[in-house]
Amino acid sequence: MNKERLMQVLVGPVISEKSTIAADASRQYVFKVIPDATKPEIKKAVEMMFDVSVEGVRVLNIKGKSKRFGQIKGRRNGVRKAYIRLAEGSDIDFGAGA
């Protein structure tokens, strides 16, 4: 896999109450990824960027909501998320740079 492609696969981490609970309970971290990313690409990208070993990857697509503003109809963008399960002893610390 191309190293430049792997650098673009991860859009950013999802920091929410649900993702924090998943990280504490079962070593799972949530990332937004590009829409055409595959599980092997996501695994390689996380291992390359954070220097950890990945045990499993689960991917889900969230459809954008339909919204209205008066008579104007619109639609929010959809998101693709990846739940990354790390191997025992691996950890990602997002607060280290702050």
Foldseek 3Di string as FASTA:
>chain_A
DDPVVLQQFFPAWDDDPVQVVCCVPFVKTKTWGDPPDDFVSPQVSCCVPQVFHWDGKDKDKAFWDWDDDVPDIDTDHIIMMMITGTDPPDHDDPPPVD
